[in-house]
C-alpha atoms as a PDB file:
ATOM      1  CA  MET A   1     131.034  85.290 201.312  1.00  0.00           C
ATOM      2  CA  VAL A   2     130.682  87.186 197.918  1.00  0.00           C
ATOM      3  CA  ARG A   3     127.011  86.234 196.136  1.00  0.00           C
ATOM      4  CA  GLN A   4     128.050  85.915 192.326  1.00  0.00           C
ATOM      5  CA  LEU A   5     125.890  89.153 190.443  1.00  0.00           C
ATOM      6  CA  GLY A   6     122.827  87.905 188.283  1.00  0.00           C
ATOM      7  CA  GLU A   7     122.428  88.393 184.776  1.00  0.00           C
ATOM      8  CA  LEU A   8     120.878  91.635 184.934  1.00  0.00           C
ATOM      9  CA  GLU A   9     122.771  92.601 187.742  1.00  0.00           C
ATOM     10  CA  ASN A  10     126.206  92.032 185.967  1.00  0.00           C
ATOM     11  CA  ALA A  11     125.132  93.706 183.233  1.00  0.00           C
ATOM     12  CA  ILE A  12     124.286  96.868 184.427  1.00  0.00           C
ATOM     13  CA  MET A  13     127.431  96.466 187.112  1.00  0.00           C
ATOM     14  CA  THR A  14     129.731  96.001 183.885  1.00  0.00           C
ATOM     15  CA  ARG A  15     128.355  99.620 182.844  1.00  0.00           C
ATOM     16  CA  VAL A  16     129.230 101.156 186.194  1.00  0.00           C
ATOM     17  CA  TRP A  17     132.588 100.063 186.304  1.00  0.00           C
ATOM     18  CA  ARG A  18     133.256 100.751 182.767  1.00  0.00           C
ATOM     19  CA  TRP A  19     132.041 104.153 182.563  1.00  0.00           C
ATOM     20  CA  ASN A  20     133.779 104.704 186.156  1.00  0.00           C
ATOM     21  CA  ARG A  21     131.607 107.702 186.969  1.00  0.00           C
ATOM     22  CA  PRO A  22     128.377 108.369 188.750  1.00  0.00           C
ATOM     23  CA  VAL A  23     125.737 107.080 186.649  1.00  0.00           C
ATOM     24  CA  THR A  24     121.827 107.538 186.608  1.00  0.00           C
ATOM     25  CA  VAL A  25     118.868 104.907 185.767  1.00  0.00           C
ATOM     26  CA  ARG A  26     118.375 106.962 182.588  1.00  0.00           C
ATOM     27  CA  GLU A  27     121.817 106.673 181.293  1.00  0.00           C
ATOM     28  CA  VAL A  28     121.932 102.876 182.253  1.00  0.00           C
ATOM     29  CA  LEU A  29     118.485 102.225 180.882  1.00  0.00           C
ATOM     30  CA  LEU A  30     119.380 103.445 177.148  1.00  0.00           C
ATOM     31  CA  ASP A  31     122.581 101.657 177.267  1.00  0.00           C
ATOM     32  CA  LEU A  32     120.581  98.632 178.250  1.00  0.00           C
ATOM     33  CA  GLN A  33     118.005  99.224 175.463  1.00  0.00           C
ATOM     34  CA  SER A  34     120.464  99.144 172.809  1.00  0.00           C
ATOM     35  CA  GLU A  35     120.767  94.915 173.641  1.00  0.00           C
ATOM     36  CA  ARG A  36     117.343  94.245 175.494  1.00  0.00           C
ATOM     37  CA  GLU A  37     113.676  95.591 175.484  1.00  0.00           C
ATOM     38  CA  ILE A  38     113.760  96.676 179.575  1.00  0.00           C
ATOM     39  CA  ALA A  39     111.835  99.101 181.582  1.00  0.00           C
ATOM     40  CA  TYR A  40     112.987 102.073 183.574  1.00  0.00           C
ATOM     41  CA  THR A  41     111.193 100.665 186.738  1.00  0.00           C
ATOM     42  CA  THR A  42     113.572  97.494 186.163  1.00  0.00           C
ATOM     43  CA  VAL A  43     117.083  99.363 186.021  1.00  0.00           C
ATOM     44  CA  MET A  44     115.700 101.357 189.034  1.00  0.00           C
ATOM     45  CA  THR A  45     115.044  98.492 190.850  1.00  0.00           C
ATOM     46  CA  VAL A  46     118.172  96.903 190.086  1.00  0.00           C
ATOM     47  CA  LEU A  47     120.087  99.505 191.055  1.00  0.00           C
ATOM     48  CA  ASP A  48     118.320 100.306 194.390  1.00  0.00           C
ATOM     49  CA  LYS A  49     119.110  96.286 195.034  1.00  0.00           C
ATOM     50  CA  LEU A  50     122.921  96.388 194.236  1.00  0.00           C
ATOM     51  CA  HIS A  51     122.757  99.769 196.352  1.00  0.00           C
ATOM     52  CA  ARG A  52     121.277  97.710 199.462  1.00  0.00           C
ATOM     53  CA  LYS A  53     123.610  95.082 198.764  1.00  0.00           C
ATOM     54  CA  GLY A  54     126.477  97.315 199.277  1.00  0.00           C
ATOM     55  CA  TRP A  55     127.864  97.354 195.799  1.00  0.00           C
ATOM     56  CA  LEU A  56     127.021 101.148 194.890  1.00  0.00           C
ATOM     57  CA  ARG A  57     126.964 103.992 196.870  1.00  0.00           C
ATOM     58  CA  ARG A  58     124.187 106.846 195.820  1.00  0.00           C
ATOM     59  CA  GLU A  59     123.911 110.529 195.968  1.00  0.00           C
ATOM     60  CA  ARG A  60     120.961 112.481 195.501  1.00  0.00           C
ATOM     61  CA  ALA A  61     120.876 114.706 192.237  1.00  0.00           C
ATOM     62  CA  GLY A  62     117.494 116.626 191.881  1.00  0.00           C
ATOM     63  CA  ARG A  63     114.582 114.109 192.057  1.00  0.00           C
ATOM     64  CA  ALA A  64     117.005 111.129 190.783  1.00  0.00           C
ATOM     65  CA  TYR A  65     119.984 109.349 192.484  1.00  0.00           C
ATOM     66  CA  ARG A  66     123.601 108.893 190.662  1.00  0.00           C
ATOM     67  CA  TYR A  67     125.053 105.458 191.680  1.00  0.00           C
ATOM     68  CA  GLU A  68     128.797 104.735 191.613  1.00  0.00           C
ATOM     69  CA  PRO A  69     130.555 101.442 192.313  1.00  0.00           C
ATOM     70  CA  VAL A  70     131.797 101.150 196.035  1.00  0.00           C
ATOM     71  CA  SER A  71     134.821  98.678 194.465  1.00  0.00           C
ATOM     72  CA  SER A  72     136.383  97.395 191.302  1.00  0.00           C
ATOM     73  CA  ARG A  73     135.363  94.756 189.157  1.00  0.00           C
ATOM     74  CA  GLU A  74     138.868  93.429 189.742  1.00  0.00           C
ATOM     75  CA  ALA A  75     138.028  93.338 193.464  1.00  0.00           C
ATOM     76  CA  TYR A  76     135.111  91.550 192.872  1.00  0.00           C
ATOM     77  CA  THR A  77     136.210  88.691 191.095  1.00  0.00           C
ATOM     78  CA  ALA A  78     138.974  88.529 193.372  1.00  0.00           C
ATOM     79  CA  ALA A  79     136.523  88.181 196.155  1.00  0.00           C
ATOM     80  CA  LEU A  80     134.612  85.410 194.056  1.00  0.00           C
ATOM     81  CA  MET A  81     138.204  83.500 193.266  1.00  0.00           C
ATOM     82  CA  ASN A  82     138.867  83.603 196.995  1.00  0.00           C
ATOM     83  CA  ASP A  83     135.571  82.277 197.940  1.00  0.00           C
ATOM     84  CA  ALA A  84     135.864  79.426 195.307  1.00  0.00           C
ATOM     85  CA  TRP A  85     139.219  78.440 196.743  1.00  0.00           C
ATOM     86  CA  ALA A  86     138.230  78.597 200.253  1.00  0.00           C
ATOM     87  CA  THR A  87     135.301  75.800 199.463  1.00  0.00           C
ATOM     88  CA  SER A  88     138.327  73.309 198.552  1.00  0.00           C
ATOM     89  CA  ASP A  89     139.313  70.722 200.830  1.00  0.00           C
ATOM     90  CA  ASN A  90     142.857  71.118 199.473  1.00  0.00           C
ATOM     91  CA  PRO A  91     143.855  74.491 198.218  1.00  0.00           C
ATOM     92  CA  ALA A  92     146.734  73.607 196.380  1.00  0.00           C
ATOM     93  CA  ALA A  93     145.669  70.924 194.350  1.00  0.00           C
ATOM     94  CA  ALA A  94     143.013  73.333 193.378  1.00  0.00           C
ATOM     95  CA  LEU A  95     145.473  75.807 192.492  1.00  0.00           C
ATOM     96  CA  VAL A  96     147.280  73.109 190.385  1.00  0.00           C
ATOM     97  CA  HIS A  97     144.050  72.487 188.418  1.00  0.00           C
ATOM     98  CA  PHE A  98     143.130  76.079 188.175  1.00  0.00           C
ATOM     99  CA  PHE A  99     146.624  76.801 186.604  1.00  0.00           C
ATOM    100  CA  GLY A 100     146.150  73.699 184.194  1.00  0.00           C
ATOM    101  CA  LEU A 101     142.741  75.282 182.805  1.00  0.00           C
ATOM    102  CA  MET A 102     144.471  78.765 182.338  1.00  0.00           C
ATOM    103  CA  SER A 103     145.585  79.965 178.819  1.00  0.00           C
ATOM    104  CA  PRO A 104     149.005  80.822 178.102  1.00  0.00           C
ATOM    105  CA  GLY A 105     148.137  84.742 178.247  1.00  0.00           C
ATOM    106  CA  GLN A 106     146.394  84.046 181.745  1.00  0.00           C
ATOM    107  CA  ARG A 107     149.710  82.335 183.104  1.00  0.00           C
ATOM    108  CA  GLU A 108     151.993  85.725 181.809  1.00  0.00           C
ATOM    109  CA  ALA A 109     149.297  87.856 183.247  1.00  0.00           C
ATOM    110  CA  LEU A 110     149.425  85.837 186.684  1.00  0.00           C
ATOM    111  CA  ARG A 111     153.367  85.678 186.638  1.00  0.00           C
ATOM    112  CA  ASP A 112     153.072  90.076 185.793  1.00  0.00           C
ATOM    113  CA  ALA A 113     150.663  90.133 189.007  1.00  0.00           C
ATOM    114  CA  LEU A 114     153.021  87.975 191.266  1.00  0.00           C
ATOM    115  CA  ARG A 115     155.877  90.687 190.362  1.00  0.00           C
ATOM    116  CA  VAL A 116     153.486  93.581 191.014  1.00  0.00           C
ATOM    117  CA  ALA A 117     152.802  91.516 194.347  1.00  0.00           C
ATOM    118  CA  ALA A 118     156.556  91.511 195.065  1.00  0.00           C
ATOM    119  CA  LEU A 119     155.723  87.543 195.582  1.00  0.00           C
ATOM    120  CA  PHE A 120     158.226  86.850 192.637  1.00  0.00           C
ATOM    121  CA  PRO A 121     160.769  88.871 191.387  1.00  0.00           C
ATOM    122  CA  ALA A 122     161.284  89.531 187.971  1.00  0.00           C
ATOM    123  CA  GLU A 123     164.956  88.798 188.371  1.00  0.00           C
ATOM    124  CA  PRO A 124     166.551  86.267 190.898  1.00  0.00           C
ATOM    125  CA  PRO A 125     168.184  88.447 193.706  1.00  0.00           C
ATOM    126  CA  PRO A 126     171.951  88.204 193.788  1.00  0.00           C
ATOM    127  CA  PRO A 127     173.413  85.489 196.170  1.00  0.00           C
ATOM    128  CA  ASP A 128     173.679  86.348 199.560  1.00  0.00           C
ATOM    129  CA  SER A 129     177.238  87.529 200.417  1.00  0.00           C
ATOM    130  CA  GLY A 130     176.716  87.904 204.187  1.00  0.00           C
ATOM    131  CA  PRO A 131     176.068  90.874 205.970  1.00  0.00           C
ATOM    132  CA  ASP A 132     176.892  94.389 204.515  1.00  0.00           C
ATOM    133  CA  THR A 133     179.885  95.462 206.195  1.00  0.00           C
ATOM    134  CA  GLY A 134     180.337  98.532 204.185  1.00  0.00           C
ATOM    135  CA  GLU A 135     183.488  97.244 202.899  1.00  0.00           C
ATOM    136  CA  THR A 136     184.053  96.380 199.239  1.00  0.00           C
ATOM    137  CA  ALA A 137     186.593  94.740 196.925  1.00  0.00           C
ATOM    138  CA  ALA A 138     188.987  98.030 197.258  1.00  0.00           C
ATOM    139  CA  GLY A 139     188.833  98.156 201.167  1.00  0.00           C
ATOM    140  CA  PRO A 140     186.532  99.840 203.690  1.00  0.00           C
ATOM    141  CA  ALA A 141     183.966 101.976 202.633  1.00  0.00           C
ATOM    142  CA  ARG A 142     184.652 106.002 203.756  1.00  0.00           C
END
């Protein structure tokens, strides 16, 4: 079961995912300070906790660490959605309600995702004409 990130954890992970490179505590701190008053030690503690929880990996860079995400925001979101769906006694009904909450743009994104996953082809397959015998309308293949 994936635990939803707290408000500060999410703010930090959002930056780490967006930057998509190893980051230092100082970089995250400076970016966060444009939105809120926050201490270096607070950012360092949250990054350490995210590392211990398995969200970040870290590597020594001199006296400091560089942190990078273990997985993507999309993987995190998918895990949250899967956990939420798994709590339903009637998963099909939960999906129907979920689809009803989606905007037209979200439904289009869902159709695109299903095409990518090859579960919902863009074009319907041609009618099945039986096994391929190697023959064409002109006769046997040569």
